[in-house]
mmCIF file of all heavy atoms, coordinates in Angstrom:
data_MODEL
# 
_entry.id   MODEL 
# 
loop_
_atom_site.group_PDB 
_atom_site.id 
_atom_site.type_symbol 
_atom_site.label_atom_id 
_atom_site.label_alt_id 
_atom_site.label_comp_id 
_atom_site.label_asym_id 
_atom_site.label_entity_id 
_atom_site.label_seq_id 
_atom_site.pdbx_PDB_ins_code 
_atom_site.Cartn_x 
_atom_site.Cartn_y 
_atom_site.Cartn_z 
_atom_site.occupancy 
_atom_site.B_iso_or_equiv 
_atom_site.pdbx_formal_charge 
_atom_site.auth_seq_id 
_atom_site.auth_comp_id 
_atom_site.auth_asym_id 
_atom_site.auth_atom_id 
_atom_site.pdbx_PDB_model_num 
ATOM 1   N N   . LYS A 1 1  ? -13.247 -12.882 12.929  1.00 0.00 ? 1  LYS A N   1 
ATOM 2   C CA  . LYS A 1 1  ? -13.204 -11.429 12.748  1.00 0.00 ? 1  LYS A CA  1 
ATOM 3   C C   . LYS A 1 1  ? -13.223 -11.089 11.259  1.00 0.00 ? 1  LYS A C   1 
ATOM 4   O O   . LYS A 1 1  ? -12.200 -10.700 10.680  1.00 0.00 ? 1  LYS A O   1 
ATOM 5   C CB  . LYS A 1 1  ? -11.941 -10.849 13.403  1.00 0.00 ? 1  LYS A CB  1 
ATOM 6   C CG  . LYS A 1 1  ? -11.808 -11.135 14.881  1.00 0.00 ? 1  LYS A CG  1 
ATOM 7   C CD  . LYS A 1 1  ? -12.876 -10.413 15.696  1.00 0.00 ? 1  LYS A CD  1 
ATOM 8   C CE  . LYS A 1 1  ? -12.718 -10.700 17.178  1.00 0.00 ? 1  LYS A CE  1 
ATOM 9   N NZ  . LYS A 1 1  ? -13.761 -10.023 17.990  1.00 0.00 ? 1  LYS A NZ  1 
ATOM 10  N N   . PRO A 1 2  ? -14.357 -11.230 10.587  1.00 0.00 ? 2  PRO A N   1 
ATOM 11  C CA  . PRO A 1 2  ? -14.413 -10.969 9.145   1.00 0.00 ? 2  PRO A CA  1 
ATOM 12  C C   . PRO A 1 2  ? -14.022 -9.551  8.772   1.00 0.00 ? 2  PRO A C   1 
ATOM 13  O O   . PRO A 1 2  ? -13.472 -9.325  7.693   1.00 0.00 ? 2  PRO A O   1 
ATOM 14  C CB  . PRO A 1 2  ? -15.873 -11.262 8.786   1.00 0.00 ? 2  PRO A CB  1 
ATOM 15  C CG  . PRO A 1 2  ? -16.620 -11.187 10.078  1.00 0.00 ? 2  PRO A CG  1 
ATOM 16  C CD  . PRO A 1 2  ? -15.671 -11.647 11.128  1.00 0.00 ? 2  PRO A CD  1 
ATOM 17  N N   . ALA A 1 3  ? -14.266 -8.579  9.654   1.00 0.00 ? 3  ALA A N   1 
ATOM 18  C CA  . ALA A 1 3  ? -13.925 -7.191  9.334   1.00 0.00 ? 3  ALA A CA  1 
ATOM 19  C C   . ALA A 1 3  ? -12.425 -7.023  9.111   1.00 0.00 ? 3  ALA A C   1 
ATOM 20  O O   . ALA A 1 3  ? -11.992 -6.196  8.303   1.00 0.00 ? 3  ALA A O   1 
ATOM 21  C CB  . ALA A 1 3  ? -14.391 -6.264  10.450  1.00 0.00 ? 3  ALA A CB  1 
ATOM 22  N N   . ALA A 1 4  ? -11.625 -7.812  9.813   1.00 0.00 ? 4  ALA A N   1 
ATOM 23  C CA  . ALA A 1 4  ? -10.173 -7.712  9.673   1.00 0.00 ? 4  ALA A CA  1 
ATOM 24  C C   . ALA A 1 4  ? -9.731  -8.077  8.270   1.00 0.00 ? 4  ALA A C   1 
ATOM 25  O O   . ALA A 1 4  ? -8.811  -7.469  7.717   1.00 0.00 ? 4  ALA A O   1 
ATOM 26  C CB  . ALA A 1 4  ? -9.492  -8.622  10.691  1.00 0.00 ? 4  ALA A CB  1 
ATOM 27  N N   . TYR A 1 5  ? -10.400 -9.039  7.664   1.00 0.00 ? 5  TYR A N   1 
ATOM 28  C CA  . TYR A 1 5  ? -9.985  -9.489  6.339   1.00 0.00 ? 5  TYR A CA  1 
ATOM 29  C C   . TYR A 1 5  ? -10.655 -8.704  5.225   1.00 0.00 ? 5  TYR A C   1 
ATOM 30  O O   . TYR A 1 5  ? -10.168 -8.687  4.099   1.00 0.00 ? 5  TYR A O   1 
ATOM 31  C CB  . TYR A 1 5  ? -10.167 -11.011 6.242   1.00 0.00 ? 5  TYR A CB  1 
ATOM 32  C CG  . TYR A 1 5  ? -9.178  -11.674 7.166   1.00 0.00 ? 5  TYR A CG  1 
ATOM 33  C CD1 . TYR A 1 5  ? -9.524  -11.981 8.486   1.00 0.00 ? 5  TYR A CD1 1 
ATOM 34  C CD2 . TYR A 1 5  ? -7.869  -11.883 6.765   1.00 0.00 ? 5  TYR A CD2 1 
ATOM 35  C CE1 . TYR A 1 5  ? -8.587  -12.518 9.364   1.00 0.00 ? 5  TYR A CE1 1 
ATOM 36  C CE2 . TYR A 1 5  ? -6.931  -12.417 7.628   1.00 0.00 ? 5  TYR A CE2 1 
ATOM 37  C CZ  . TYR A 1 5  ? -7.291  -12.730 8.924   1.00 0.00 ? 5  TYR A CZ  1 
ATOM 38  O OH  . TYR A 1 5  ? -6.356  -13.225 9.795   1.00 0.00 ? 5  TYR A OH  1 
ATOM 39  N N   . ARG A 1 6  ? -11.731 -8.023  5.530   1.00 0.00 ? 6  ARG A N   1 
ATOM 40  C CA  . ARG A 1 6  ? -12.239 -7.018  4.588   1.00 0.00 ? 6  ARG A CA  1 
ATOM 41  C C   . ARG A 1 6  ? -11.287 -5.830  4.563   1.00 0.00 ? 6  ARG A C   1 
ATOM 42  O O   . ARG A 1 6  ? -11.030 -5.245  3.505   1.00 0.00 ? 6  ARG A O   1 
ATOM 43  C CB  . ARG A 1 6  ? -13.646 -6.564  4.993   1.00 0.00 ? 6  ARG A CB  1 
ATOM 44  C CG  . ARG A 1 6  ? -14.736 -7.618  4.758   1.00 0.00 ? 6  ARG A CG  1 
ATOM 45  C CD  . ARG A 1 6  ? -16.123 -6.995  4.810   1.00 0.00 ? 6  ARG A CD  1 
ATOM 46  N NE  . ARG A 1 6  ? -16.420 -6.450  6.135   1.00 0.00 ? 6  ARG A NE  1 
ATOM 47  C CZ  . ARG A 1 6  ? -16.977 -7.146  7.122   1.00 0.00 ? 6  ARG A CZ  1 
ATOM 48  N NH1 . ARG A 1 6  ? -17.279 -8.422  6.942   1.00 0.00 ? 6  ARG A NH1 1 
ATOM 49  N NH2 . ARG A 1 6  ? -17.231 -6.583  8.289   1.00 0.00 ? 6  ARG A NH2 1 
ATOM 50  N N   . TYR A 1 7  ? -10.740 -5.480  5.715   1.00 0.00 ? 7  TYR A N   1 
ATOM 51  C CA  . TYR A 1 7  ? -9.752  -4.398  5.799   1.00 0.00 ? 7  TYR A CA  1 
ATOM 52  C C   . TYR A 1 7  ? -8.529  -4.735  4.949   1.00 0.00 ? 7  TYR A C   1 
ATOM 53  O O   . TYR A 1 7  ? -7.993  -3.877  4.244   1.00 0.00 ? 7  TYR A O   1 
ATOM 54  C CB  . TYR A 1 7  ? -9.347  -4.199  7.258   1.00 0.00 ? 7  TYR A CB  1 
ATOM 55  C CG  . TYR A 1 7  ? -8.172  -3.271  7.453   1.00 0.00 ? 7  TYR A CG  1 
ATOM 56  C CD1 . TYR A 1 7  ? -8.357  -1.903  7.620   1.00 0.00 ? 7  TYR A CD1 1 
ATOM 57  C CD2 . TYR A 1 7  ? -6.864  -3.767  7.479   1.00 0.00 ? 7  TYR A CD2 1 
ATOM 58  C CE1 . TYR A 1 7  ? -7.281  -1.055  7.798   1.00 0.00 ? 7  TYR A CE1 1 
ATOM 59  C CE2 . TYR A 1 7  ? -5.785  -2.920  7.652   1.00 0.00 ? 7  TYR A CE2 1 
ATOM 60  C CZ  . TYR A 1 7  ? -5.999  -1.570  7.816   1.00 0.00 ? 7  TYR A CZ  1 
ATOM 61  O OH  . TYR A 1 7  ? -4.923  -0.733  7.981   1.00 0.00 ? 7  TYR A OH  1 
ATOM 62  N N   . LEU A 1 8  ? -8.085  -5.983  5.001   1.00 0.00 ? 8  LEU A N   1 
ATOM 63  C CA  . LEU A 1 8  ? -6.937  -6.416  4.203   1.00 0.00 ? 8  LEU A CA  1 
ATOM 64  C C   . LEU A 1 8  ? -7.177  -6.143  2.727   1.00 0.00 ? 8  LEU A C   1 
ATOM 65  O O   . LEU A 1 8  ? -6.344  -5.541  2.037   1.00 0.00 ? 8  LEU A O   1 
ATOM 66  C CB  . LEU A 1 8  ? -6.688  -7.906  4.426   1.00 0.00 ? 8  LEU A CB  1 
ATOM 67  C CG  . LEU A 1 8  ? -5.659  -8.574  3.495   1.00 0.00 ? 8  LEU A CG  1 
ATOM 68  C CD1 . LEU A 1 8  ? -4.271  -8.011  3.749   1.00 0.00 ? 8  LEU A CD1 1 
ATOM 69  C CD2 . LEU A 1 8  ? -5.668  -10.083 3.684   1.00 0.00 ? 8  LEU A CD2 1 
ATOM 70  N N   . ASN A 1 9  ? -8.314  -6.567  2.235   1.00 0.00 ? 9  ASN A N   1 
ATOM 71  C CA  . ASN A 1 9  ? -8.656  -6.353  0.829   1.00 0.00 ? 9  ASN A CA  1 
ATOM 72  C C   . ASN A 1 9  ? -8.662  -4.869  0.474   1.00 0.00 ? 9  ASN A C   1 
ATOM 73  O O   . ASN A 1 9  ? -8.096  -4.447  -0.541  1.00 0.00 ? 9  ASN A O   1 
ATOM 74  C CB  . ASN A 1 9  ? -10.014 -6.995  0.548   1.00 0.00 ? 9  ASN A CB  1 
ATOM 75  C CG  . ASN A 1 9  ? -10.687 -6.445  -0.688  1.00 0.00 ? 9  ASN A CG  1 
ATOM 76  O OD1 . ASN A 1 9  ? -11.775 -5.884  -0.604  1.00 0.00 ? 9  ASN A OD1 1 
ATOM 77  N ND2 . ASN A 1 9  ? -10.050 -6.562  -1.836  1.00 0.00 ? 9  ASN A ND2 1 
ATOM 78  N N   . GLU A 1 10 ? -9.299  -4.065  1.293   1.00 0.00 ? 10 GLU A N   1 
ATOM 79  C CA  . GLU A 1 10 ? -9.436  -2.632  1.003   1.00 0.00 ? 10 GLU A CA  1 
ATOM 80  C C   . GLU A 1 10 ? -8.091  -1.918  0.980   1.00 0.00 ? 10 GLU A C   1 
ATOM 81  O O   . GLU A 1 10 ? -7.816  -1.095  0.108   1.00 0.00 ? 10 GLU A O   1 
ATOM 82  C CB  . GLU A 1 10 ? -10.364 -1.990  2.037   1.00 0.00 ? 10 GLU A CB  1 
ATOM 83  C CG  . GLU A 1 10 ? -11.813 -2.464  1.926   1.00 0.00 ? 10 GLU A CG  1 
ATOM 84  C CD  . GLU A 1 10 ? -12.641 -2.079  3.140   1.00 0.00 ? 10 GLU A CD  1 
ATOM 85  O OE1 . GLU A 1 10 ? -12.046 -1.487  4.083   1.00 0.00 ? 10 GLU A OE1 1 
ATOM 86  O OE2 . GLU A 1 10 ? -13.843 -2.372  3.169   1.00 0.00 ? 10 GLU A OE2 1 
ATOM 87  N N   . THR A 1 11 ? -7.228  -2.231  1.944   1.00 0.00 ? 11 THR A N   1 
ATOM 88  C CA  . THR A 1 11 ? -5.947  -1.534  2.008   1.00 0.00 ? 11 THR A CA  1 
ATOM 89  C C   . THR A 1 11 ? -5.012  -1.960  0.890   1.00 0.00 ? 11 THR A C   1 
ATOM 90  O O   . THR A 1 11 ? -4.268  -1.130  0.358   1.00 0.00 ? 11 THR A O   1 
ATOM 91  C CB  . THR A 1 11 ? -5.260  -1.773  3.371   1.00 0.00 ? 11 THR A CB  1 
ATOM 92  O OG1 . THR A 1 11 ? -5.155  -3.178  3.616   1.00 0.00 ? 11 THR A OG1 1 
ATOM 93  C CG2 . THR A 1 11 ? -6.041  -1.111  4.495   1.00 0.00 ? 11 THR A CG2 1 
ATOM 94  N N   . VAL A 1 12 ? -5.026  -3.216  0.522   1.00 0.00 ? 12 VAL A N   1 
ATOM 95  C CA  . VAL A 1 12 ? -4.143  -3.672  -0.560  1.00 0.00 ? 12 VAL A CA  1 
ATOM 96  C C   . VAL A 1 12 ? -4.514  -3.013  -1.876  1.00 0.00 ? 12 VAL A C   1 
ATOM 97  O O   . VAL A 1 12 ? -3.649  -2.540  -2.624  1.00 0.00 ? 12 VAL A O   1 
ATOM 98  C CB  . VAL A 1 12 ? -4.187  -5.205  -0.685  1.00 0.00 ? 12 VAL A CB  1 
ATOM 99  C CG1 . VAL A 1 12 ? -3.484  -5.664  -1.968  1.00 0.00 ? 12 VAL A CG1 1 
ATOM 100 C CG2 . VAL A 1 12 ? -3.547  -5.861  0.528   1.00 0.00 ? 12 VAL A CG2 1 
ATOM 101 N N   . GLU A 1 13 ? -5.796  -2.957  -2.179  1.00 0.00 ? 13 GLU A N   1 
ATOM 102 C CA  . GLU A 1 13 ? -6.217  -2.380  -3.457  1.00 0.00 ? 13 GLU A CA  1 
ATOM 103 C C   . GLU A 1 13 ? -5.981  -0.878  -3.521  1.00 0.00 ? 13 GLU A C   1 
ATOM 104 O O   . GLU A 1 13 ? -5.835  -0.310  -4.604  1.00 0.00 ? 13 GLU A O   1 
ATOM 105 C CB  . GLU A 1 13 ? -7.693  -2.707  -3.712  1.00 0.00 ? 13 GLU A CB  1 
ATOM 106 C CG  . GLU A 1 13 ? -7.940  -4.182  -3.991  1.00 0.00 ? 13 GLU A CG  1 
ATOM 107 C CD  . GLU A 1 13 ? -9.307  -4.429  -4.587  1.00 0.00 ? 13 GLU A CD  1 
ATOM 108 O OE1 . GLU A 1 13 ? -9.668  -3.741  -5.562  1.00 0.00 ? 13 GLU A OE1 1 
ATOM 109 O OE2 . GLU A 1 13 ? -10.019 -5.313  -4.072  1.00 0.00 ? 13 GLU A OE2 1 
ATOM 110 N N   . ALA A 1 14 ? -5.952  -0.215  -2.373  1.00 0.00 ? 14 ALA A N   1 
ATOM 111 C CA  . ALA A 1 14 ? -5.790  1.232   -2.367  1.00 0.00 ? 14 ALA A CA  1 
ATOM 112 C C   . ALA A 1 14 ? -4.336  1.679   -2.283  1.00 0.00 ? 14 ALA A C   1 
ATOM 113 O O   . ALA A 1 14 ? -4.018  2.825   -2.594  1.00 0.00 ? 14 ALA A O   1 
ATOM 114 C CB  . ALA A 1 14 ? -6.563  1.835   -1.188  1.00 0.00 ? 14 ALA A CB  1 
ATOM 115 N N   . PHE A 1 15 ? -3.442  0.778   -1.886  1.00 0.00 ? 15 PHE A N   1 
ATOM 116 C CA  . PHE A 1 15 ? -2.069  1.181   -1.591  1.00 0.00 ? 15 PHE A CA  1 
ATOM 117 C C   . PHE A 1 15 ? -1.231  1.298   -2.866  1.00 0.00 ? 15 PHE A C   1 
ATOM 118 O O   . PHE A 1 15 ? -1.323  0.458   -3.758  1.00 0.00 ? 15 PHE A O   1 
ATOM 119 C CB  . PHE A 1 15 ? -1.430  0.160   -0.651  1.00 0.00 ? 15 PHE A CB  1 
ATOM 120 C CG  . PHE A 1 15 ? -0.174  0.642   0.002   1.00 0.00 ? 15 PHE A CG  1 
ATOM 121 C CD1 . PHE A 1 15 ? -0.226  1.594   1.010   1.00 0.00 ? 15 PHE A CD1 1 
ATOM 122 C CD2 . PHE A 1 15 ? 1.059   0.159   -0.393  1.00 0.00 ? 15 PHE A CD2 1 
ATOM 123 C CE1 . PHE A 1 15 ? 0.930   2.053   1.619   1.00 0.00 ? 15 PHE A CE1 1 
ATOM 124 C CE2 . PHE A 1 15 ? 2.218   0.608   0.209   1.00 0.00 ? 15 PHE A CE2 1 
ATOM 125 C CZ  . PHE A 1 15 ? 2.155   1.557   1.214   1.00 0.00 ? 15 PHE A CZ  1 
ATOM 126 N N   . PRO A 1 16 ? -0.378  2.337   -2.972  1.00 0.00 ? 16 PRO A N   1 
ATOM 127 C CA  . PRO A 1 16 ? 0.484   2.474   -4.150  1.00 0.00 ? 16 PRO A CA  1 
ATOM 128 C C   . PRO A 1 16 ? 1.520   1.351   -4.200  1.00 0.00 ? 16 PRO A C   1 
ATOM 129 O O   . PRO A 1 16 ? 2.082   0.973   -3.170  1.00 0.00 ? 16 PRO A O   1 
ATOM 130 C CB  . PRO A 1 16 ? 1.157   3.837   -3.941  1.00 0.00 ? 16 PRO A CB  1 
ATOM 131 C CG  . PRO A 1 16 ? 1.096   4.076   -2.471  1.00 0.00 ? 16 PRO A CG  1 
ATOM 132 C CD  . PRO A 1 16 ? -0.192  3.445   -2.018  1.00 0.00 ? 16 PRO A CD  1 
ATOM 133 N N   . TYR A 1 17 ? 1.756   0.826   -5.377  1.00 0.00 ? 17 TYR A N   1 
ATOM 134 C CA  . TYR A 1 17 ? 2.710   -0.270  -5.510  1.00 0.00 ? 17 TYR A CA  1 
ATOM 135 C C   . TYR A 1 17 ? 3.540   -0.076  -6.777  1.00 0.00 ? 17 TYR A C   1 
ATOM 136 O O   . TYR A 1 17 ? 3.289   0.832   -7.574  1.00 0.00 ? 17 TYR A O   1 
ATOM 137 C CB  . TYR A 1 17 ? 1.990   -1.626  -5.537  1.00 0.00 ? 17 TYR A CB  1 
ATOM 138 C CG  . TYR A 1 17 ? 1.091   -1.834  -6.733  1.00 0.00 ? 17 TYR A CG  1 
ATOM 139 C CD1 . TYR A 1 17 ? 1.557   -2.504  -7.869  1.00 0.00 ? 17 TYR A CD1 1 
ATOM 140 C CD2 . TYR A 1 17 ? -0.213  -1.356  -6.752  1.00 0.00 ? 17 TYR A CD2 1 
ATOM 141 C CE1 . TYR A 1 17 ? 0.736   -2.696  -8.969  1.00 0.00 ? 17 TYR A CE1 1 
ATOM 142 C CE2 . TYR A 1 17 ? -1.038  -1.546  -7.838  1.00 0.00 ? 17 TYR A CE2 1 
ATOM 143 C CZ  . TYR A 1 17 ? -0.556  -2.221  -8.950  1.00 0.00 ? 17 TYR A CZ  1 
ATOM 144 O OH  . TYR A 1 17 ? -1.370  -2.390  -10.039 1.00 0.00 ? 17 TYR A OH  1 
ATOM 145 N N   . GLY A 1 18 ? 4.535   -0.914  -6.947  1.00 0.00 ? 18 GLY A N   1 
ATOM 146 C CA  . GLY A 1 18 ? 5.393   -0.812  -8.118  1.00 0.00 ? 18 GLY A CA  1 
ATOM 147 C C   . GLY A 1 18 ? 6.130   0.514   -8.163  1.00 0.00 ? 18 GLY A C   1 
ATOM 148 O O   . GLY A 1 18 ? 6.713   0.964   -7.182  1.00 0.00 ? 18 GLY A O   1 
ATOM 149 N N   . GLY A 1 19 ? 6.081   1.153   -9.332  1.00 0.00 ? 19 GLY A N   1 
ATOM 150 C CA  . GLY A 1 19 ? 6.782   2.409   -9.530  1.00 0.00 ? 19 GLY A CA  1 
ATOM 151 C C   . GLY A 1 19 ? 6.345   3.500   -8.586  1.00 0.00 ? 19 GLY A C   1 
ATOM 152 O O   . GLY A 1 19 ? 7.162   4.326   -8.146  1.00 0.00 ? 19 GLY A O   1 
ATOM 153 N N   . ALA A 1 20 ? 5.068   3.522   -8.230  1.00 0.00 ? 20 ALA A N   1 
ATOM 154 C CA  . ALA A 1 20 ? 4.565   4.568   -7.331  1.00 0.00 ? 20 ALA A CA  1 
ATOM 155 C C   . ALA A 1 20 ? 5.187   4.452   -5.949  1.00 0.00 ? 20 ALA A C   1 
ATOM 156 O O   . ALA A 1 20 ? 5.543   5.467   -5.327  1.00 0.00 ? 20 ALA A O   1 
ATOM 157 C CB  . ALA A 1 20 ? 3.041   4.493   -7.233  1.00 0.00 ? 20 ALA A CB  1 
ATOM 158 N N   . PHE A 1 21 ? 5.345   3.224   -5.467  1.00 0.00 ? 21 PHE A N   1 
ATOM 159 C CA  . PHE A 1 21 ? 5.960   3.079   -4.145  1.00 0.00 ? 21 PHE A CA  1 
ATOM 160 C C   . PHE A 1 21 ? 7.465   3.319   -4.215  1.00 0.00 ? 21 PHE A C   1 
ATOM 161 O O   . PHE A 1 21 ? 8.050   3.865   -3.269  1.00 0.00 ? 21 PHE A O   1 
ATOM 162 C CB  . PHE A 1 21 ? 5.667   1.704   -3.549  1.00 0.00 ? 21 PHE A CB  1 
ATOM 163 C CG  . PHE A 1 21 ? 6.081   1.609   -2.107  1.00 0.00 ? 21 PHE A CG  1 
ATOM 164 C CD1 . PHE A 1 21 ? 5.340   2.232   -1.125  1.00 0.00 ? 21 PHE A CD1 1 
ATOM 165 C CD2 . PHE A 1 21 ? 7.229   0.934   -1.748  1.00 0.00 ? 21 PHE A CD2 1 
ATOM 166 C CE1 . PHE A 1 21 ? 5.732   2.179   0.212   1.00 0.00 ? 21 PHE A CE1 1 
ATOM 167 C CE2 . PHE A 1 21 ? 7.630   0.876   -0.423  1.00 0.00 ? 21 PHE A CE2 1 
ATOM 168 C CZ  . PHE A 1 21 ? 6.878   1.502   0.560   1.00 0.00 ? 21 PHE A CZ  1 
ATOM 169 N N   . CYS A 1 22 ? 8.088   2.929   -5.309  1.00 0.00 ? 22 CYS A N   1 
ATOM 170 C CA  . CYS A 1 22 ? 9.516   3.226   -5.483  1.00 0.00 ? 22 CYS A CA  1 
ATOM 171 C C   . CYS A 1 22 ? 9.758   4.732   -5.420  1.00 0.00 ? 22 CYS A C   1 
ATOM 172 O O   . CYS A 1 22 ? 10.747  5.195   -4.820  1.00 0.00 ? 22 CYS A O   1 
ATOM 173 C CB  . CYS A 1 22 ? 10.016  2.672   -6.817  1.00 0.00 ? 22 CYS A CB  1 
ATOM 174 S SG  . CYS A 1 22 ? 10.197  0.873   -6.857  1.00 0.00 ? 22 CYS A SG  1 
ATOM 175 N N   . GLU A 1 23 ? 8.860   5.507   -6.013  1.00 0.00 ? 23 GLU A N   1 
ATOM 176 C CA  . GLU A 1 23 ? 8.978   6.966   -5.962  1.00 0.00 ? 23 GLU A CA  1 
ATOM 177 C C   . GLU A 1 23 ? 8.904   7.468   -4.526  1.00 0.00 ? 23 GLU A C   1 
ATOM 178 O O   . GLU A 1 23 ? 9.640   8.387   -4.137  1.00 0.00 ? 23 GLU A O   1 
ATOM 179 C CB  . GLU A 1 23 ? 7.885   7.616   -6.805  1.00 0.00 ? 23 GLU A CB  1 
ATOM 180 C CG  . GLU A 1 23 ? 8.082   7.466   -8.304  1.00 0.00 ? 23 GLU A CG  1 
ATOM 181 C CD  . GLU A 1 23 ? 6.973   8.109   -9.099  1.00 0.00 ? 23 GLU A CD  1 
ATOM 182 O OE1 . GLU A 1 23 ? 6.169   8.861   -8.498  1.00 0.00 ? 23 GLU A OE1 1 
ATOM 183 O OE2 . GLU A 1 23 ? 6.902   7.866   -10.313 1.00 0.00 ? 23 GLU A OE2 1 
ATOM 184 N N   . LYS A 1 24 ? 8.026   6.876   -3.734  1.00 0.00 ? 24 LYS A N   1 
ATOM 185 C CA  . LYS A 1 24 ? 7.923   7.276   -2.327  1.00 0.00 ? 24 LYS A CA  1 
ATOM 186 C C   . LYS A 1 24 ? 9.239   7.012   -1.592  1.00 0.00 ? 24 LYS A C   1 
ATOM 187 O O   . LYS A 1 24 ? 9.694   7.826   -0.782  1.00 0.00 ? 24 LYS A O   1 
ATOM 188 C CB  . LYS A 1 24 ? 6.783   6.525   -1.635  1.00 0.00 ? 24 LYS A CB  1 
ATOM 189 C CG  . LYS A 1 24 ? 5.396   7.106   -1.909  1.00 0.00 ? 24 LYS A CG  1 
ATOM 190 C CD  . LYS A 1 24 ? 4.357   6.424   -1.067  1.00 0.00 ? 24 LYS A CD  1 
ATOM 191 C CE  . LYS A 1 24 ? 3.024   7.167   -1.115  1.00 0.00 ? 24 LYS A CE  1 
ATOM 192 N NZ  . LYS A 1 24 ? 3.100   8.486   -0.455  1.00 0.00 ? 24 LYS A NZ  1 
ATOM 193 N N   . MET A 1 25 ? 9.848   5.873   -1.853  1.00 0.00 ? 25 MET A N   1 
ATOM 194 C CA  . MET A 1 25 ? 11.114  5.557   -1.214  1.00 0.00 ? 25 MET A CA  1 
ATOM 195 C C   . MET A 1 25 ? 12.205  6.545   -1.633  1.00 0.00 ? 25 MET A C   1 
ATOM 196 O O   . MET A 1 25 ? 13.002  7.002   -0.809  1.00 0.00 ? 25 MET A O   1 
ATOM 197 C CB  . MET A 1 25 ? 11.534  4.117   -1.536  1.00 0.00 ? 25 MET A CB  1 
ATOM 198 C CG  . MET A 1 25 ? 10.647  3.057   -0.912  1.00 0.00 ? 25 MET A CG  1 
ATOM 199 S SD  . MET A 1 25 ? 11.259  1.364   -1.195  1.00 0.00 ? 25 MET A SD  1 
ATOM 200 C CE  . MET A 1 25 ? 12.763  1.349   -0.194  1.00 0.00 ? 25 MET A CE  1 
ATOM 201 N N   . GLU A 1 26 ? 12.224  6.870   -2.905  1.00 0.00 ? 26 GLU A N   1 
ATOM 202 C CA  . GLU A 1 26 ? 13.221  7.826   -3.395  1.00 0.00 ? 26 GLU A CA  1 
ATOM 203 C C   . GLU A 1 26 ? 13.002  9.211   -2.803  1.00 0.00 ? 26 GLU A C   1 
ATOM 204 O O   . GLU A 1 26 ? 13.961  9.901   -2.420  1.00 0.00 ? 26 GLU A O   1 
ATOM 205 C CB  . GLU A 1 26 ? 13.168  7.871   -4.921  1.00 0.00 ? 26 GLU A CB  1 
ATOM 206 C CG  . GLU A 1 26 ? 13.691  6.591   -5.573  1.00 0.00 ? 26 GLU A CG  1 
ATOM 207 C CD  . GLU A 1 26 ? 13.360  6.501   -7.050  1.00 0.00 ? 26 GLU A CD  1 
ATOM 208 O OE1 . GLU A 1 26 ? 12.557  7.341   -7.531  1.00 0.00 ? 26 GLU A OE1 1 
ATOM 209 O OE2 . GLU A 1 26 ? 13.893  5.593   -7.712  1.00 0.00 ? 26 GLU A OE2 1 
ATOM 210 N N   . GLN A 1 27 ? 11.755  9.614   -2.686  1.00 0.00 ? 27 GLN A N   1 
ATOM 211 C CA  . GLN A 1 27 ? 11.449  10.915  -2.095  1.00 0.00 ? 27 GLN A CA  1 
ATOM 212 C C   . GLN A 1 27 ? 11.855  10.964  -0.624  1.00 0.00 ? 27 GLN A C   1 
ATOM 213 O O   . GLN A 1 27 ? 12.203  12.031  -0.096  1.00 0.00 ? 27 GLN A O   1 
ATOM 214 C CB  . GLN A 1 27 ? 9.959   11.227  -2.250  1.00 0.00 ? 27 GLN A CB  1 
ATOM 215 C CG  . GLN A 1 27 ? 9.550   11.520  -3.683  1.00 0.00 ? 27 GLN A CG  1 
ATOM 216 C CD  . GLN A 1 27 ? 8.047   11.504  -3.887  1.00 0.00 ? 27 GLN A CD  1 
ATOM 217 O OE1 . GLN A 1 27 ? 7.280   11.317  -2.939  1.00 0.00 ? 27 GLN A OE1 1 
ATOM 218 N NE2 . GLN A 1 27 ? 7.606   11.688  -5.125  1.00 0.00 ? 27 GLN A NE2 1 
ATOM 219 N N   . ALA A 1 28 ? 11.815  9.818   0.055   1.00 0.00 ? 28 ALA A N   1 
ATOM 220 C CA  . ALA A 1 28 ? 12.220  9.756   1.457   1.00 0.00 ? 28 ALA A CA  1 
ATOM 221 C C   . ALA A 1 28 ? 13.734  9.831   1.608   1.00 0.00 ? 28 ALA A C   1 
ATOM 222 O O   . ALA A 1 28 ? 14.235  10.078  2.712   1.00 0.00 ? 28 ALA A O   1 
ATOM 223 C CB  . ALA A 1 28 ? 11.701  8.476   2.097   1.00 0.00 ? 28 ALA A CB  1 
ATOM 224 N N   . GLY A 1 29 ? 14.461  9.599   0.503   1.00 0.00 ? 29 GLY A N   1 
ATOM 225 C CA  . GLY A 1 29 ? 15.912  9.704   0.546   1.00 0.00 ? 29 GLY A CA  1 
ATOM 226 C C   . GLY A 1 29 ? 16.676  8.444   0.215   1.00 0.00 ? 29 GLY A C   1 
ATOM 227 O O   . GLY A 1 29 ? 17.907  8.437   0.225   1.00 0.00 ? 29 GLY A O   1 
ATOM 228 N N   . PHE A 1 30 ? 15.972  7.352   -0.090  1.00 0.00 ? 30 PHE A N   1 
ATOM 229 C CA  . PHE A 1 30 ? 16.658  6.108   -0.436  1.00 0.00 ? 30 PHE A CA  1 
ATOM 230 C C   . PHE A 1 30 ? 17.253  6.177   -1.830  1.00 0.00 ? 30 PHE A C   1 
ATOM 231 O O   . PHE A 1 30 ? 16.700  6.821   -2.727  1.00 0.00 ? 30 PHE A O   1 
ATOM 232 C CB  . PHE A 1 30 ? 15.686  4.928   -0.348  1.00 0.00 ? 30 PHE A CB  1 
ATOM 233 C CG  . PHE A 1 30 ? 15.325  4.540   1.058   1.00 0.00 ? 30 PHE A CG  1 
ATOM 234 C CD1 . PHE A 1 30 ? 14.120  4.939   1.609   1.00 0.00 ? 30 PHE A CD1 1 
ATOM 235 C CD2 . PHE A 1 30 ? 16.197  3.790   1.822   1.00 0.00 ? 30 PHE A CD2 1 
ATOM 236 C CE1 . PHE A 1 30 ? 13.780  4.597   2.908   1.00 0.00 ? 30 PHE A CE1 1 
ATOM 237 C CE2 . PHE A 1 30 ? 15.870  3.436   3.126   1.00 0.00 ? 30 PHE A CE2 1 
ATOM 238 C CZ  . PHE A 1 30 ? 14.658  3.844   3.665   1.00 0.00 ? 30 PHE A CZ  1 
# 
């Protein structure tokens, strides 16, 4: 299923990480 692992690459590169994701957690109330 090569499409599944192309999806992995696309979602990882697009997803907020580091400080940006920490901000999301704080905004949620953590």
